[in-house]
Amino acid sequence: MIYQFFIMIVLVGIFYAVYYVVRARAAKQPSKSGNMEQKLDRIIELLEKDKKE
C-alpha cells in the first residue's frame, strides 16, 4: 500500500512538472498579436514618411 501511495505521488509530480514547463514556455514566447502590431506600426511609419517626401 505504501508503494502504491509513493507511485501516485510520483505520477502527480510528473503531471505537475509537465504542466509547469508548458506554462513557462507559453509565458516566455512573445505574443503573435504584439509582433504583428509592431510590424503594422512600422509599415504605417514608412507610408507616412513616403507621403511627406
N, C-alpha and C. Protein backbone atom coordinates (compact mmCIF):
# COMPACT_ATOMS: atom_id res chain seq x y z
N MET A 1 0.83 -1.19 0.00
CA MET A 1 0.00 0.00 0.00
C MET A 1 0.88 1.26 0.00
N ILE A 2 1.96 1.23 0.73
CA ILE A 2 2.86 2.37 0.75
C ILE A 2 3.47 2.56 -0.64
N TYR A 3 3.76 1.46 -1.32
CA TYR A 3 4.31 1.52 -2.67
C TYR A 3 3.33 2.21 -3.62
N GLN A 4 2.05 1.88 -3.54
CA GLN A 4 1.04 2.49 -4.39
C GLN A 4 0.92 3.99 -4.10
N PHE A 5 0.98 4.36 -2.85
CA PHE A 5 0.92 5.77 -2.48
C PHE A 5 2.13 6.53 -3.05
N PHE A 6 3.29 5.92 -2.95
CA PHE A 6 4.50 6.53 -3.48
C PHE A 6 4.41 6.72 -5.00
N ILE A 7 3.93 5.71 -5.71
CA ILE A 7 3.77 5.79 -7.16
C ILE A 7 2.76 6.88 -7.52
N MET A 8 1.69 6.98 -6.78
CA MET A 8 0.69 8.02 -7.04
C MET A 8 1.31 9.41 -6.88
N ILE A 9 2.11 9.61 -5.85
CA ILE A 9 2.76 10.90 -5.63
C ILE A 9 3.73 11.21 -6.78
N VAL A 10 4.46 10.20 -7.23
CA VAL A 10 5.38 10.40 -8.35
C VAL A 10 4.62 10.78 -9.61
N LEU A 11 3.52 10.12 -9.91
CA LEU A 11 2.73 10.43 -11.10
C LEU A 11 2.17 11.85 -11.03
N VAL A 12 1.65 12.24 -9.89
CA VAL A 12 1.14 13.60 -9.73
C VAL A 12 2.27 14.60 -9.92
N GLY A 13 3.44 14.30 -9.41
CA GLY A 13 4.60 15.17 -9.58
C GLY A 13 4.99 15.32 -11.04
N ILE A 14 4.94 14.23 -11.79
CA ILE A 14 5.28 14.28 -13.21
C ILE A 14 4.28 15.16 -13.96
N PHE A 15 2.99 14.98 -13.70
CA PHE A 15 1.98 15.80 -14.36
C PHE A 15 2.15 17.28 -14.00
N TYR A 16 2.46 17.55 -12.74
CA TYR A 16 2.67 18.94 -12.32
C TYR A 16 3.89 19.53 -13.01
N ALA A 17 4.96 18.77 -13.15
CA ALA A 17 6.18 19.25 -13.80
C ALA A 17 5.92 19.56 -15.27
N VAL A 18 5.21 18.68 -15.96
CA VAL A 18 4.88 18.92 -17.37
C VAL A 18 4.02 20.17 -17.51
N TYR A 19 3.03 20.31 -16.65
CA TYR A 19 2.15 21.48 -16.67
C TYR A 19 2.96 22.75 -16.44
N TYR A 20 3.88 22.72 -15.49
CA TYR A 20 4.70 23.89 -15.17
C TYR A 20 5.60 24.26 -16.35
N VAL A 21 6.21 23.27 -16.99
CA VAL A 21 7.09 23.53 -18.13
C VAL A 21 6.31 24.13 -19.29
N VAL A 22 5.14 23.59 -19.57
CA VAL A 22 4.32 24.11 -20.67
C VAL A 22 3.90 25.55 -20.40
N ARG A 23 3.49 25.84 -19.19
CA ARG A 23 3.10 27.22 -18.85
C ARG A 23 4.28 28.16 -18.93
N ALA A 24 5.45 27.74 -18.49
CA ALA A 24 6.63 28.60 -18.53
C ALA A 24 7.03 28.89 -19.97
N ARG A 25 6.93 27.90 -20.84
CA ARG A 25 7.25 28.12 -22.25
C ARG A 25 6.26 29.05 -22.90
N ALA A 26 4.99 28.90 -22.59
CA ALA A 26 3.96 29.75 -23.19
C ALA A 26 4.14 31.20 -22.74
N ALA A 27 4.51 31.40 -21.50
CA ALA A 27 4.70 32.76 -20.99
C ALA A 27 5.96 33.39 -21.56
N LYS A 28 6.94 32.57 -21.91
CA LYS A 28 8.21 33.10 -22.40
C LYS A 28 8.10 33.60 -23.84
N GLN A 29 7.25 32.97 -24.64
CA GLN A 29 7.13 33.33 -26.05
C GLN A 29 6.35 34.64 -26.19
N PRO A 30 6.84 35.56 -27.02
CA PRO A 30 6.10 36.81 -27.23
C PRO A 30 4.80 36.53 -27.98
N SER A 31 3.82 37.32 -27.69
CA SER A 31 2.53 37.11 -28.34
C SER A 31 2.62 37.48 -29.82
N LYS A 32 1.95 36.74 -30.63
CA LYS A 32 1.98 36.99 -32.06
C LYS A 32 1.26 38.28 -32.40
N SER A 33 0.22 38.62 -31.67
CA SER A 33 -0.52 39.85 -31.96
C SER A 33 0.36 41.07 -31.69
N GLY A 34 1.16 41.03 -30.64
CA GLY A 34 2.06 42.14 -30.35
C GLY A 34 3.10 42.31 -31.44
N ASN A 35 3.61 41.22 -31.95
CA ASN A 35 4.58 41.24 -33.03
C ASN A 35 3.95 41.81 -34.30
N MET A 36 2.71 41.44 -34.56
CA MET A 36 2.00 41.93 -35.74
C MET A 36 1.76 43.42 -35.62
N GLU A 37 1.42 43.89 -34.43
CA GLU A 37 1.19 45.32 -34.22
C GLU A 37 2.45 46.12 -34.49
N GLN A 38 3.59 45.60 -34.06
CA GLN A 38 4.86 46.29 -34.31
C GLN A 38 5.14 46.39 -35.81
N LYS A 39 4.87 45.34 -36.54
CA LYS A 39 5.10 45.36 -37.98
C LYS A 39 4.17 46.36 -38.65
N LEU A 40 2.91 46.38 -38.23
CA LEU A 40 1.96 47.32 -38.82
C LEU A 40 2.36 48.76 -38.50
N ASP A 41 2.81 49.01 -37.28
CA ASP A 41 3.26 50.35 -36.92
C ASP A 41 4.43 50.78 -37.80
N ARG A 42 5.33 49.88 -38.06
CA ARG A 42 6.48 50.18 -38.91
C ARG A 42 6.04 50.49 -40.33
N ILE A 43 5.08 49.75 -40.84
CA ILE A 43 4.57 49.99 -42.19
C ILE A 43 3.90 51.35 -42.26
N ILE A 44 3.12 51.69 -41.25
CA ILE A 44 2.45 52.99 -41.22
C ILE A 44 3.47 54.12 -41.18
N GLU A 45 4.51 53.96 -40.38
CA GLU A 45 5.56 54.98 -40.31
C GLU A 45 6.23 55.17 -41.67
N LEU A 46 6.52 54.08 -42.35
CA LEU A 46 7.16 54.18 -43.66
C LEU A 46 6.24 54.83 -44.68
N LEU A 47 4.94 54.52 -44.63
CA LEU A 47 4.00 55.13 -45.57
C LEU A 47 3.87 56.63 -45.30
N GLU A 48 3.82 57.02 -44.03
CA GLU A 48 3.74 58.45 -43.71
C GLU A 48 5.00 59.18 -44.14
N LYS A 49 6.14 58.55 -43.97
CA LYS A 49 7.41 59.15 -44.38
C LYS A 49 7.44 59.31 -45.90
N ASP A 50 6.91 58.30 -46.61
CA ASP A 50 6.88 58.35 -48.07
C ASP A 50 5.95 59.45 -48.55
N LYS A 51 4.85 59.70 -47.87
CA LYS A 51 3.91 60.75 -48.26
C LYS A 51 4.54 62.13 -48.12
N LYS A 52 5.34 62.31 -47.08
CA LYS A 52 5.97 63.61 -46.84
C LYS A 52 6.99 63.94 -47.91
N GLU A 53 7.62 62.96 -48.48
CA GLU A 53 8.68 63.21 -49.47
C GLU A 53 8.16 63.47 -50.83
